Amino acid sequence: PMDHLGGRIGGRRLGILGMGRIGQAVARRARAFGMQIHYHNRRRVHD
């Protein structure tokens, strides 16, 4: 029961550094896993 205990990624806050093509692709996948998406970028992406 207590072996190899990791963590649940659903519900975790993911901070993406760089919201270009790759960052947005990461965000789409992470949302499907139930993660909360945050980001920092040189420019804010479109609404």
ModelCIF file with pLDDT and N, C-alpha, C, O atoms, coordinates in Angstrom:
data_MODEL
#
_entry.id   MODEL 
#
_entity.id                         1 
_entity.type                       polymer 
_entity.pdbx_number_of_molecules   1 
#
_entity_poly.entity_id                      1 
_entity_poly.type                           'polypeptide(L)' 
_entity_poly.nstd_linkage                   no 
_entity_poly.nstd_monomer                   no 
_entity_poly.pdbx_seq_one_letter_code       PMDHLGGRIGGRRLGILGMGRIGQAVARRARAFGMQIHYHNRRRVHD 
_entity_poly.pdbx_seq_one_letter_code_can   PMDHLGGRIGGRRLGILGMGRIGQAVARRARAFGMQIHYHNRRRVHD 
_entity_poly.pdbx_strand_id                 A 
#
loop_
_entity_poly_seq.entity_id 
_entity_poly_seq.num 
_entity_poly_seq.mon_id 
_entity_poly_seq.hetero 
1 1  PRO n 
1 2  MET n 
1 3  ASP n 
1 4  HIS n 
1 5  LEU n 
1 6  GLY n 
1 7  GLY n 
1 8  ARG n 
1 9  ILE n 
1 10 GLY n 
1 11 GLY n 
1 12 ARG n 
1 13 ARG n 
1 14 LEU n 
1 15 GLY n 
1 16 ILE n 
1 17 LEU n 
1 18 GLY n 
1 19 MET n 
1 20 GLY n 
1 21 ARG n 
1 22 ILE n 
1 23 GLY n 
1 24 GLN n 
1 25 ALA n 
1 26 VAL n 
1 27 ALA n 
1 28 ARG n 
1 29 ARG n 
1 30 ALA n 
1 31 ARG n 
1 32 ALA n 
1 33 PHE n 
1 34 GLY n 
1 35 MET n 
1 36 GLN n 
1 37 ILE n 
1 38 HIS n 
1 39 TYR n 
1 40 HIS n 
1 41 ASN n 
1 42 ARG n 
1 43 ARG n 
1 44 ARG n 
1 45 VAL n 
1 46 HIS n 
1 47 ASP n 
#
_struct_asym.id          A 
_struct_asym.entity_id   1 
#
loop_
_ma_qa_metric.id 
_ma_qa_metric.mode 
_ma_qa_metric.name 
_ma_qa_metric.software_group_id 
_ma_qa_metric.type 
1 global pLDDT . pLDDT 
2 local  pLDDT . pLDDT 
#
_ma_qa_metric_global.metric_id      1 
_ma_qa_metric_global.metric_value   96.64 
_ma_qa_metric_global.model_id       1 
_ma_qa_metric_global.ordinal_id     1 
#
loop_
_ma_qa_metric_local.label_asym_id 
_ma_qa_metric_local.label_comp_id 
_ma_qa_metric_local.label_seq_id 
_ma_qa_metric_local.metric_id 
_ma_qa_metric_local.metric_value 
_ma_qa_metric_local.model_id 
_ma_qa_metric_local.ordinal_id 
A PRO 1  2 95.00 1 1  
A MET 2  2 94.00 1 2  
A ASP 3  2 93.00 1 3  
A HIS 4  2 91.00 1 4  
A LEU 5  2 94.00 1 5  
A GLY 6  2 94.00 1 6  
A GLY 7  2 95.00 1 7  
A ARG 8  2 97.00 1 8  
A ILE 9  2 97.00 1 9  
A GLY 10 2 97.00 1 10 
A GLY 11 2 97.00 1 11 
A ARG 12 2 98.00 1 12 
A ARG 13 2 98.00 1 13 
A LEU 14 2 98.00 1 14 
A GLY 15 2 98.00 1 15 
A ILE 16 2 98.00 1 16 
A LEU 17 2 98.00 1 17 
A GLY 18 2 97.00 1 18 
A MET 19 2 97.00 1 19 
A GLY 20 2 94.00 1 20 
A ARG 21 2 93.00 1 21 
A ILE 22 2 95.00 1 22 
A GLY 23 2 97.00 1 23 
A GLN 24 2 98.00 1 24 
A ALA 25 2 98.00 1 25 
A VAL 26 2 98.00 1 26 
A ALA 27 2 98.00 1 27 
A ARG 28 2 98.00 1 28 
A ARG 29 2 98.00 1 29 
A ALA 30 2 98.00 1 30 
A ARG 31 2 98.00 1 31 
A ALA 32 2 97.00 1 32 
A PHE 33 2 98.00 1 33 
A GLY 34 2 98.00 1 34 
A MET 35 2 98.00 1 35 
A GLN 36 2 98.00 1 36 
A ILE 37 2 98.00 1 37 
A HIS 38 2 98.00 1 38 
A TYR 39 2 98.00 1 39 
A HIS 40 2 98.00 1 40 
A ASN 41 2 97.00 1 41 
A ARG 42 2 93.00 1 42 
A ARG 43 2 94.00 1 43 
A ARG 44 2 97.00 1 44 
A VAL 45 2 97.00 1 45 
A HIS 46 2 97.00 1 46 
A ASP 47 2 97.00 1 47 
#
loop_
_atom_site.group_PDB 
_atom_site.id 
_atom_site.type_symbol 
_atom_site.label_atom_id 
_atom_site.label_alt_id 
_atom_site.label_comp_id 
_atom_site.label_asym_id 
_atom_site.label_entity_id 
_atom_site.label_seq_id 
_atom_site.pdbx_PDB_ins_code 
_atom_site.Cartn_x 
_atom_site.Cartn_y 
_atom_site.Cartn_z 
_atom_site.occupancy 
_atom_site.B_iso_or_equiv 
_atom_site.pdbx_formal_charge 
_atom_site.auth_seq_id 
_atom_site.auth_comp_id 
_atom_site.auth_asym_id 
_atom_site.auth_atom_id 
_atom_site.pdbx_PDB_model_num 
ATOM 1   N N  . PRO A 1 1  ? 0.791  -1.235 0.000   1.00 95.00 ? 1  PRO A N  1 
ATOM 2   C CA . PRO A 1 1  ? 0.000  0.000  0.000   1.00 95.00 ? 1  PRO A CA 1 
ATOM 3   C C  . PRO A 1 1  ? 0.820  1.280  0.000   1.00 95.00 ? 1  PRO A C  1 
ATOM 4   O O  . PRO A 1 1  ? 0.389  2.279  -0.575  1.00 95.00 ? 1  PRO A O  1 
ATOM 5   N N  . MET A 1 2  ? 1.975  1.278  0.620   1.00 94.00 ? 2  MET A N  1 
ATOM 6   C CA . MET A 1 2  ? 2.740  2.520  0.775   1.00 94.00 ? 2  MET A CA 1 
ATOM 7   C C  . MET A 1 2  ? 3.985  2.574  -0.106  1.00 94.00 ? 2  MET A C  1 
ATOM 8   O O  . MET A 1 2  ? 4.828  3.456  0.064   1.00 94.00 ? 2  MET A O  1 
ATOM 9   N N  . ASP A 1 3  ? 4.104  1.643  -1.038  1.00 93.00 ? 3  ASP A N  1 
ATOM 10  C CA . ASP A 1 3  ? 5.269  1.654  -1.933  1.00 93.00 ? 3  ASP A CA 1 
ATOM 11  C C  . ASP A 1 3  ? 5.047  2.581  -3.124  1.00 93.00 ? 3  ASP A C  1 
ATOM 12  O O  . ASP A 1 3  ? 3.931  2.725  -3.622  1.00 93.00 ? 3  ASP A O  1 
ATOM 13  N N  . HIS A 1 4  ? 6.137  3.205  -3.565  1.00 91.00 ? 4  HIS A N  1 
ATOM 14  C CA . HIS A 1 4  ? 6.182  3.956  -4.815  1.00 91.00 ? 4  HIS A CA 1 
ATOM 15  C C  . HIS A 1 4  ? 5.122  5.055  -4.893  1.00 91.00 ? 4  HIS A C  1 
ATOM 16  O O  . HIS A 1 4  ? 4.545  5.285  -5.956  1.00 91.00 ? 4  HIS A O  1 
ATOM 17  N N  . LEU A 1 5  ? 4.868  5.720  -3.795  1.00 94.00 ? 5  LEU A N  1 
ATOM 18  C CA . LEU A 1 5  ? 3.828  6.739  -3.788  1.00 94.00 ? 5  LEU A CA 1 
ATOM 19  C C  . LEU A 1 5  ? 4.319  8.006  -4.480  1.00 94.00 ? 5  LEU A C  1 
ATOM 20  O O  . LEU A 1 5  ? 5.288  8.633  -4.052  1.00 94.00 ? 5  LEU A O  1 
ATOM 21  N N  . GLY A 1 6  ? 3.641  8.361  -5.543  1.00 94.00 ? 6  GLY A N  1 
ATOM 22  C CA . GLY A 1 6  ? 3.902  9.616  -6.216  1.00 94.00 ? 6  GLY A CA 1 
ATOM 23  C C  . GLY A 1 6  ? 2.805  10.606 -5.880  1.00 94.00 ? 6  GLY A C  1 
ATOM 24  O O  . GLY A 1 6  ? 2.231  10.561 -4.792  1.00 94.00 ? 6  GLY A O  1 
ATOM 25  N N  . GLY A 1 7  ? 2.513  11.501 -6.812  1.00 95.00 ? 7  GLY A N  1 
ATOM 26  C CA . GLY A 1 7  ? 1.481  12.497 -6.590  1.00 95.00 ? 7  GLY A CA 1 
ATOM 27  C C  . GLY A 1 7  ? 0.499  12.525 -7.739  1.00 95.00 ? 7  GLY A C  1 
ATOM 28  O O  . GLY A 1 7  ? 0.781  12.021 -8.826  1.00 95.00 ? 7  GLY A O  1 
ATOM 29  N N  . ARG A 1 8  ? -0.653 13.116 -7.492  1.00 97.00 ? 8  ARG A N  1 
ATOM 30  C CA . ARG A 1 8  ? -1.681 13.285 -8.521  1.00 97.00 ? 8  ARG A CA 1 
ATOM 31  C C  . ARG A 1 8  ? -1.432 14.613 -9.233  1.00 97.00 ? 8  ARG A C  1 
ATOM 32  O O  . ARG A 1 8  ? -1.251 15.639 -8.576  1.00 97.00 ? 8  ARG A O  1 
ATOM 33  N N  . ILE A 1 9  ? -1.421 14.607 -10.565 1.00 97.00 ? 9  ILE A N  1 
ATOM 34  C CA . ILE A 1 9  ? -1.155 15.869 -11.273 1.00 97.00 ? 9  ILE A CA 1 
ATOM 35  C C  . ILE A 1 9  ? -2.432 16.680 -11.492 1.00 97.00 ? 9  ILE A C  1 
ATOM 36  O O  . ILE A 1 9  ? -2.364 17.893 -11.689 1.00 97.00 ? 9  ILE A O  1 
ATOM 37  N N  . GLY A 1 10 ? -3.580 16.031 -11.462 1.00 97.00 ? 10 GLY A N  1 
ATOM 38  C CA . GLY A 1 10 ? -4.827 16.760 -11.584 1.00 97.00 ? 10 GLY A CA 1 
ATOM 39  C C  . GLY A 1 10 ? -4.977 17.747 -10.440 1.00 97.00 ? 10 GLY A C  1 
ATOM 40  O O  . GLY A 1 10 ? -4.750 17.396 -9.282  1.00 97.00 ? 10 GLY A O  1 
ATOM 41  N N  . GLY A 1 11 ? -5.361 18.987 -10.758 1.00 97.00 ? 11 GLY A N  1 
ATOM 42  C CA . GLY A 1 11 ? -5.520 20.018 -9.749  1.00 97.00 ? 11 GLY A CA 1 
ATOM 43  C C  . GLY A 1 11 ? -4.264 20.820 -9.469  1.00 97.00 ? 11 GLY A C  1 
ATOM 44  O O  . GLY A 1 11 ? -4.333 21.850 -8.798  1.00 97.00 ? 11 GLY A O  1 
ATOM 45  N N  . ARG A 1 12 ? -3.117 20.376 -9.965  1.00 98.00 ? 12 ARG A N  1 
ATOM 46  C CA . ARG A 1 12 ? -1.885 21.127 -9.714  1.00 98.00 ? 12 ARG A CA 1 
ATOM 47  C C  . ARG A 1 12 ? -1.806 22.367 -10.611 1.00 98.00 ? 12 ARG A C  1 
ATOM 48  O O  . ARG A 1 12 ? -2.360 22.401 -11.709 1.00 98.00 ? 12 ARG A O  1 
ATOM 49  N N  . ARG A 1 13 ? -1.108 23.369 -10.112 1.00 98.00 ? 13 ARG A N  1 
ATOM 50  C CA . ARG A 1 13 ? -0.884 24.591 -10.888 1.00 98.00 ? 13 ARG A CA 1 
ATOM 51  C C  . ARG A 1 13 ? 0.353  24.410 -11.754 1.00 98.00 ? 13 ARG A C  1 
ATOM 52  O O  . ARG A 1 13 ? 1.440  24.120 -11.254 1.00 98.00 ? 13 ARG A O  1 
ATOM 53  N N  . LEU A 1 14 ? 0.175  24.586 -13.058 1.00 98.00 ? 14 LEU A N  1 
ATOM 54  C CA . LEU A 1 14 ? 1.281  24.510 -14.016 1.00 98.00 ? 14 LEU A CA 1 
ATOM 55  C C  . LEU A 1 14 ? 1.624  25.910 -14.487 1.00 98.00 ? 14 LEU A C  1 
ATOM 56  O O  . LEU A 1 14 ? 0.780  26.598 -15.063 1.00 98.00 ? 14 LEU A O  1 
ATOM 57  N N  . GLY A 1 15 ? 2.856  26.339 -14.249 1.00 98.00 ? 15 GLY A N  1 
ATOM 58  C CA . GLY A 1 15 ? 3.334  27.629 -14.725 1.00 98.00 ? 15 GLY A CA 1 
ATOM 59  C C  . GLY A 1 15 ? 4.166  27.450 -15.978 1.00 98.00 ? 15 GLY A C  1 
ATOM 60  O O  . GLY A 1 15 ? 5.238  26.847 -15.938 1.00 98.00 ? 15 GLY A O  1 
ATOM 61  N N  . ILE A 1 16 ? 3.674  27.974 -17.095 1.00 98.00 ? 16 ILE A N  1 
ATOM 62  C CA . ILE A 1 16 ? 4.356  27.826 -18.382 1.00 98.00 ? 16 ILE A CA 1 
ATOM 63  C C  . ILE A 1 16 ? 5.168  29.077 -18.656 1.00 98.00 ? 16 ILE A C  1 
ATOM 64  O O  . ILE A 1 16 ? 4.625  30.180 -18.708 1.00 98.00 ? 16 ILE A O  1 
ATOM 65  N N  . LEU A 1 17 ? 6.458  28.905 -18.829 1.00 98.00 ? 17 LEU A N  1 
ATOM 66  C CA . LEU A 1 17 ? 7.371  30.009 -19.111 1.00 98.00 ? 17 LEU A CA 1 
ATOM 67  C C  . LEU A 1 17 ? 7.613  30.047 -20.620 1.00 98.00 ? 17 LEU A C  1 
ATOM 68  O O  . LEU A 1 17 ? 8.462  29.327 -21.146 1.00 98.00 ? 17 LEU A O  1 
ATOM 69  N N  . GLY A 1 18 ? 6.846  30.906 -21.309 1.00 97.00 ? 18 GLY A N  1 
ATOM 70  C CA . GLY A 1 18 ? 6.905  30.975 -22.758 1.00 97.00 ? 18 GLY A CA 1 
ATOM 71  C C  . GLY A 1 18 ? 5.647  30.396 -23.372 1.00 97.00 ? 18 GLY A C  1 
ATOM 72  O O  . GLY A 1 18 ? 5.506  29.177 -23.468 1.00 97.00 ? 18 GLY A O  1 
ATOM 73  N N  . MET A 1 19 ? 4.715  31.272 -23.796 1.00 97.00 ? 19 MET A N  1 
ATOM 74  C CA . MET A 1 19 ? 3.415  30.797 -24.278 1.00 97.00 ? 19 MET A CA 1 
ATOM 75  C C  . MET A 1 19 ? 3.335  30.925 -25.795 1.00 97.00 ? 19 MET A C  1 
ATOM 76  O O  . MET A 1 19 ? 2.394  31.509 -26.334 1.00 97.00 ? 19 MET A O  1 
ATOM 77  N N  . GLY A 1 20 ? 4.335  30.371 -26.473 1.00 94.00 ? 20 GLY A N  1 
ATOM 78  C CA . GLY A 1 20 ? 4.288  30.299 -27.929 1.00 94.00 ? 20 GLY A CA 1 
ATOM 79  C C  . GLY A 1 20 ? 3.587  29.030 -28.371 1.00 94.00 ? 20 GLY A C  1 
ATOM 80  O O  . GLY A 1 20 ? 2.712  28.523 -27.668 1.00 94.00 ? 20 GLY A O  1 
ATOM 81  N N  . ARG A 1 21 ? 3.964  28.513 -29.533 1.00 93.00 ? 21 ARG A N  1 
ATOM 82  C CA . ARG A 1 21 ? 3.319  27.302 -30.049 1.00 93.00 ? 21 ARG A CA 1 
ATOM 83  C C  . ARG A 1 21 ? 3.435  26.137 -29.076 1.00 93.00 ? 21 ARG A C  1 
ATOM 84  O O  . ARG A 1 21 ? 2.456  25.443 -28.801 1.00 93.00 ? 21 ARG A O  1 
ATOM 85  N N  . ILE A 1 22 ? 4.651  25.932 -28.555 1.00 95.00 ? 22 ILE A N  1 
ATOM 86  C CA . ILE A 1 22 ? 4.861  24.798 -27.661 1.00 95.00 ? 22 ILE A CA 1 
ATOM 87  C C  . ILE A 1 22 ? 4.135  25.015 -26.343 1.00 95.00 ? 22 ILE A C  1 
ATOM 88  O O  . ILE A 1 22 ? 3.461  24.113 -25.845 1.00 95.00 ? 22 ILE A O  1 
ATOM 89  N N  . GLY A 1 23 ? 4.272  26.212 -25.776 1.00 97.00 ? 23 GLY A N  1 
ATOM 90  C CA . GLY A 1 23 ? 3.606  26.492 -24.519 1.00 97.00 ? 23 GLY A CA 1 
ATOM 91  C C  . GLY A 1 23 ? 2.106  26.289 -24.599 1.00 97.00 ? 23 GLY A C  1 
ATOM 92  O O  . GLY A 1 23 ? 1.503  25.752 -23.670 1.00 97.00 ? 23 GLY A O  1 
ATOM 93  N N  . GLN A 1 24 ? 1.495  26.714 -25.699 1.00 98.00 ? 24 GLN A N  1 
ATOM 94  C CA . GLN A 1 24 ? 0.055  26.536 -25.862 1.00 98.00 ? 24 GLN A CA 1 
ATOM 95  C C  . GLN A 1 24 ? -0.308 25.063 -26.034 1.00 98.00 ? 24 GLN A C  1 
ATOM 96  O O  . GLN A 1 24 ? -1.336 24.604 -25.536 1.00 98.00 ? 24 GLN A O  1 
ATOM 97  N N  . ALA A 1 25 ? 0.550  24.327 -26.748 1.00 98.00 ? 25 ALA A N  1 
ATOM 98  C CA . ALA A 1 25 ? 0.302  22.887 -26.901 1.00 98.00 ? 25 ALA A CA 1 
ATOM 99  C C  . ALA A 1 25 ? 0.404  22.172 -25.559 1.00 98.00 ? 25 ALA A C  1 
ATOM 100 O O  . ALA A 1 25 ? -0.360 21.248 -25.282 1.00 98.00 ? 25 ALA A O  1 
ATOM 101 N N  . VAL A 1 26 ? 1.355  22.604 -24.726 1.00 98.00 ? 26 VAL A N  1 
ATOM 102 C CA . VAL A 1 26 ? 1.466  22.043 -23.380 1.00 98.00 ? 26 VAL A CA 1 
ATOM 103 C C  . VAL A 1 26 ? 0.211  22.351 -22.578 1.00 98.00 ? 26 VAL A C  1 
ATOM 104 O O  . VAL A 1 26 ? -0.315 21.484 -21.879 1.00 98.00 ? 26 VAL A O  1 
ATOM 105 N N  . ALA A 1 27 ? -0.265 23.585 -22.678 1.00 98.00 ? 27 ALA A N  1 
ATOM 106 C CA . ALA A 1 27 ? -1.449 23.995 -21.913 1.00 98.00 ? 27 ALA A CA 1 
ATOM 107 C C  . ALA A 1 27 ? -2.668 23.167 -22.289 1.00 98.00 ? 27 ALA A C  1 
ATOM 108 O O  . ALA A 1 27 ? -3.446 22.786 -21.415 1.00 98.00 ? 27 ALA A O  1 
ATOM 109 N N  . ARG A 1 28 ? -2.847 22.882 -23.570 1.00 98.00 ? 28 ARG A N  1 
ATOM 110 C CA . ARG A 1 28 ? -4.003 22.078 -23.995 1.00 98.00 ? 28 ARG A CA 1 
ATOM 111 C C  . ARG A 1 28 ? -3.941 20.682 -23.390 1.00 98.00 ? 28 ARG A C  1 
ATOM 112 O O  . ARG A 1 28 ? -4.955 20.152 -22.936 1.00 98.00 ? 28 ARG A O  1 
ATOM 113 N N  . ARG A 1 29 ? -2.767 20.097 -23.385 1.00 98.00 ? 29 ARG A N  1 
ATOM 114 C CA . ARG A 1 29 ? -2.625 18.752 -22.816 1.00 98.00 ? 29 ARG A CA 1 
ATOM 115 C C  . ARG A 1 29 ? -2.811 18.776 -21.300 1.00 98.00 ? 29 ARG A C  1 
ATOM 116 O O  . ARG A 1 29 ? -3.468 17.905 -20.729 1.00 98.00 ? 29 ARG A O  1 
ATOM 117 N N  . ALA A 1 30 ? -2.229 19.774 -20.666 1.00 98.00 ? 30 ALA A N  1 
ATOM 118 C CA . ALA A 1 30 ? -2.312 19.840 -19.209 1.00 98.00 ? 30 ALA A CA 1 
ATOM 119 C C  . ALA A 1 30 ? -3.756 20.050 -18.752 1.00 98.00 ? 30 ALA A C  1 
ATOM 120 O O  . ALA A 1 30 ? -4.164 19.509 -17.725 1.00 98.00 ? 30 ALA A O  1 
ATOM 121 N N  . ARG A 1 31 ? -4.516 20.818 -19.493 1.00 98.00 ? 31 ARG A N  1 
ATOM 122 C CA . ARG A 1 31 ? -5.927 21.008 -19.152 1.00 98.00 ? 31 ARG A CA 1 
ATOM 123 C C  . ARG A 1 31 ? -6.673 19.677 -19.177 1.00 98.00 ? 31 ARG A C  1 
ATOM 124 O O  . ARG A 1 31 ? -7.529 19.412 -18.334 1.00 98.00 ? 31 ARG A O  1 
ATOM 125 N N  . ALA A 1 32 ? -6.330 18.847 -20.161 1.00 97.00 ? 32 ALA A N  1 
ATOM 126 C CA . ALA A 1 32 ? -6.990 17.536 -20.256 1.00 97.00 ? 32 ALA A CA 1 
ATOM 127 C C  . ALA A 1 32 ? -6.677 16.661 -19.041 1.00 97.00 ? 32 ALA A C  1 
ATOM 128 O O  . ALA A 1 32 ? -7.447 15.763 -18.699 1.00 97.00 ? 32 ALA A O  1 
ATOM 129 N N  . PHE A 1 33 ? -5.542 16.928 -18.395 1.00 98.00 ? 33 PHE A N  1 
ATOM 130 C CA . PHE A 1 33 ? -5.171 16.202 -17.176 1.00 98.00 ? 33 PHE A CA 1 
ATOM 131 C C  . PHE A 1 33 ? -5.741 16.868 -15.920 1.00 98.00 ? 33 PHE A C  1 
ATOM 132 O O  . PHE A 1 33 ? -5.490 16.408 -14.807 1.00 98.00 ? 33 PHE A O  1 
ATOM 133 N N  . GLY A 1 34 ? -6.499 17.938 -16.095 1.00 98.00 ? 34 GLY A N  1 
ATOM 134 C CA . GLY A 1 34 ? -7.111 18.610 -14.959 1.00 98.00 ? 34 GLY A CA 1 
ATOM 135 C C  . GLY A 1 34 ? -6.216 19.594 -14.242 1.00 98.00 ? 34 GLY A C  1 
ATOM 136 O O  . GLY A 1 34 ? -6.481 19.947 -13.093 1.00 98.00 ? 34 GLY A O  1 
ATOM 137 N N  . MET A 1 35 ? -5.152 20.048 -14.904 1.00 98.00 ? 35 MET A N  1 
ATOM 138 C CA . MET A 1 35 ? -4.248 21.000 -14.281 1.00 98.00 ? 35 MET A CA 1 
ATOM 139 C C  . MET A 1 35 ? -4.755 22.427 -14.475 1.00 98.00 ? 35 MET A C  1 
ATOM 140 O O  . MET A 1 35 ? -5.512 22.705 -15.406 1.00 98.00 ? 35 MET A O  1 
ATOM 141 N N  . GLN A 1 36 ? -4.329 23.330 -13.587 1.00 98.00 ? 36 GLN A N  1 
ATOM 142 C CA . GLN A 1 36 ? -4.646 24.752 -13.694 1.00 98.00 ? 36 GLN A CA 1 
ATOM 143 C C  . GLN A 1 36 ? -3.510 25.452 -14.436 1.00 98.00 ? 36 GLN A C  1 
ATOM 144 O O  . GLN A 1 36 ? -2.341 25.300 -14.079 1.00 98.00 ? 36 GLN A O  1 
ATOM 145 N N  . ILE A 1 37 ? -3.857 26.214 -15.464 1.00 98.00 ? 37 ILE A N  1 
ATOM 146 C CA . ILE A 1 37 ? -2.854 26.775 -16.378 1.00 98.00 ? 37 ILE A CA 1 
ATOM 147 C C  . ILE A 1 37 ? -2.534 28.220 -16.006 1.00 98.00 ? 37 ILE A C  1 
ATOM 148 O O  . ILE A 1 37 ? -3.426 29.062 -15.900 1.00 98.00 ? 37 ILE A O  1 
ATOM 149 N N  . HIS A 1 38 ? -1.261 28.486 -15.813 1.00 98.00 ? 38 HIS A N  1 
ATOM 150 C CA . HIS A 1 38 ? -0.746 29.836 -15.576 1.00 98.00 ? 38 HIS A CA 1 
ATOM 151 C C  . HIS A 1 38 ? 0.415  30.041 -16.551 1.00 98.00 ? 38 HIS A C  1 
ATOM 152 O O  . HIS A 1 38 ? 1.030  29.073 -16.998 1.00 98.00 ? 38 HIS A O  1 
ATOM 153 N N  . TYR A 1 39 ? 0.712  31.294 -16.876 1.00 98.00 ? 39 TYR A N  1 
ATOM 154 C CA . TYR A 1 39 ? 1.824  31.513 -17.810 1.00 98.00 ? 39 TYR A CA 1 
ATOM 155 C C  . TYR A 1 39 ? 2.441  32.890 -17.640 1.00 98.00 ? 39 TYR A C  1 
ATOM 156 O O  . TYR A 1 39 ? 1.801  33.843 -17.197 1.00 98.00 ? 39 TYR A O  1 
ATOM 157 N N  . HIS A 1 40 ? 3.708  32.952 -18.010 1.00 98.00 ? 40 HIS A N  1 
ATOM 158 C CA . HIS A 1 40 ? 4.445  34.214 -18.127 1.00 98.00 ? 40 HIS A CA 1 
ATOM 159 C C  . HIS A 1 40 ? 5.025  34.249 -19.536 1.00 98.00 ? 40 HIS A C  1 
ATOM 160 O O  . HIS A 1 40 ? 5.584  33.260 -20.009 1.00 98.00 ? 40 HIS A O  1 
ATOM 161 N N  . ASN A 1 41 ? 4.889  35.379 -20.193 1.00 97.00 ? 41 ASN A N  1 
ATOM 162 C CA . ASN A 1 41 ? 5.343  35.497 -21.572 1.00 97.00 ? 41 ASN A CA 1 
ATOM 163 C C  . ASN A 1 41 ? 5.841  36.921 -21.798 1.00 97.00 ? 41 ASN A C  1 
ATOM 164 O O  . ASN A 1 41 ? 5.459  37.846 -21.081 1.00 97.00 ? 41 ASN A O  1 
ATOM 165 N N  . ARG A 1 42 ? 6.688  37.082 -22.792 1.00 93.00 ? 42 ARG A N  1 
ATOM 166 C CA . ARG A 1 42 ? 7.158  38.428 -23.120 1.00 93.00 ? 42 ARG A CA 1 
ATOM 167 C C  . ARG A 1 42 ? 5.994  39.355 -23.440 1.00 93.00 ? 42 ARG A C  1 
ATOM 168 O O  . ARG A 1 42 ? 6.010  40.533 -23.084 1.00 93.00 ? 42 ARG A O  1 
ATOM 169 N N  . ARG A 1 43 ? 4.980  38.809 -24.119 1.00 94.00 ? 43 ARG A N  1 
ATOM 170 C CA . ARG A 1 43 ? 3.758  39.561 -24.386 1.00 94.00 ? 43 ARG A CA 1 
ATOM 171 C C  . ARG A 1 43 ? 2.562  38.701 -24.011 1.00 94.00 ? 43 ARG A C  1 
ATOM 172 O O  . ARG A 1 43 ? 2.581  37.484 -24.196 1.00 94.00 ? 43 ARG A O  1 
ATOM 173 N N  . ARG A 1 44 ? 1.551  39.319 -23.499 1.00 97.00 ? 44 ARG A N  1 
ATOM 174 C CA . ARG A 1 44 ? 0.335  38.600 -23.144 1.00 97.00 ? 44 ARG A CA 1 
ATOM 175 C C  . ARG A 1 44 ? -0.336 38.086 -24.409 1.00 97.00 ? 44 ARG A C  1 
ATOM 176 O O  . ARG A 1 44 ? -0.420 38.820 -25.395 1.00 97.00 ? 44 ARG A O  1 
ATOM 177 N N  . VAL A 1 45 ? -0.813 36.855 -24.410 1.00 97.00 ? 45 VAL A N  1 
ATOM 178 C CA . VAL A 1 45 ? -1.455 36.293 -25.598 1.00 97.00 ? 45 VAL A CA 1 
ATOM 179 C C  . VAL A 1 45 ? -2.861 36.867 -25.731 1.00 97.00 ? 45 VAL A C  1 
ATOM 180 O O  . VAL A 1 45 ? -3.382 37.492 -24.807 1.00 97.00 ? 45 VAL A O  1 
ATOM 181 N N  . HIS A 1 46 ? -3.461 36.645 -26.891 1.00 97.00 ? 46 HIS A N  1 
ATOM 182 C CA . HIS A 1 46 ? -4.783 37.186 -27.168 1.00 97.00 ? 46 HIS A CA 1 
ATOM 183 C C  . HIS A 1 46 ? -5.817 36.623 -26.198 1.00 97.00 ? 46 HIS A C  1 
ATOM 184 O O  . HIS A 1 46 ? -5.703 35.497 -25.714 1.00 97.00 ? 46 HIS A O  1 
ATOM 185 N N  . ASP A 1 47 ? -6.831 37.448 -25.932 1.00 97.00 ? 47 ASP A N  1 
ATOM 186 C CA . ASP A 1 47 ? -7.891 37.029 -25.004 1.00 97.00 ? 47 ASP A CA 1 
ATOM 187 C C  . ASP A 1 47 ? -8.516 35.700 -25.386 1.00 97.00 ? 47 ASP A C  1 
ATOM 188 O O  . ASP A 1 47 ? -9.418 35.222 -24.699 1.00 97.00 ? 47 ASP A O  1 
#
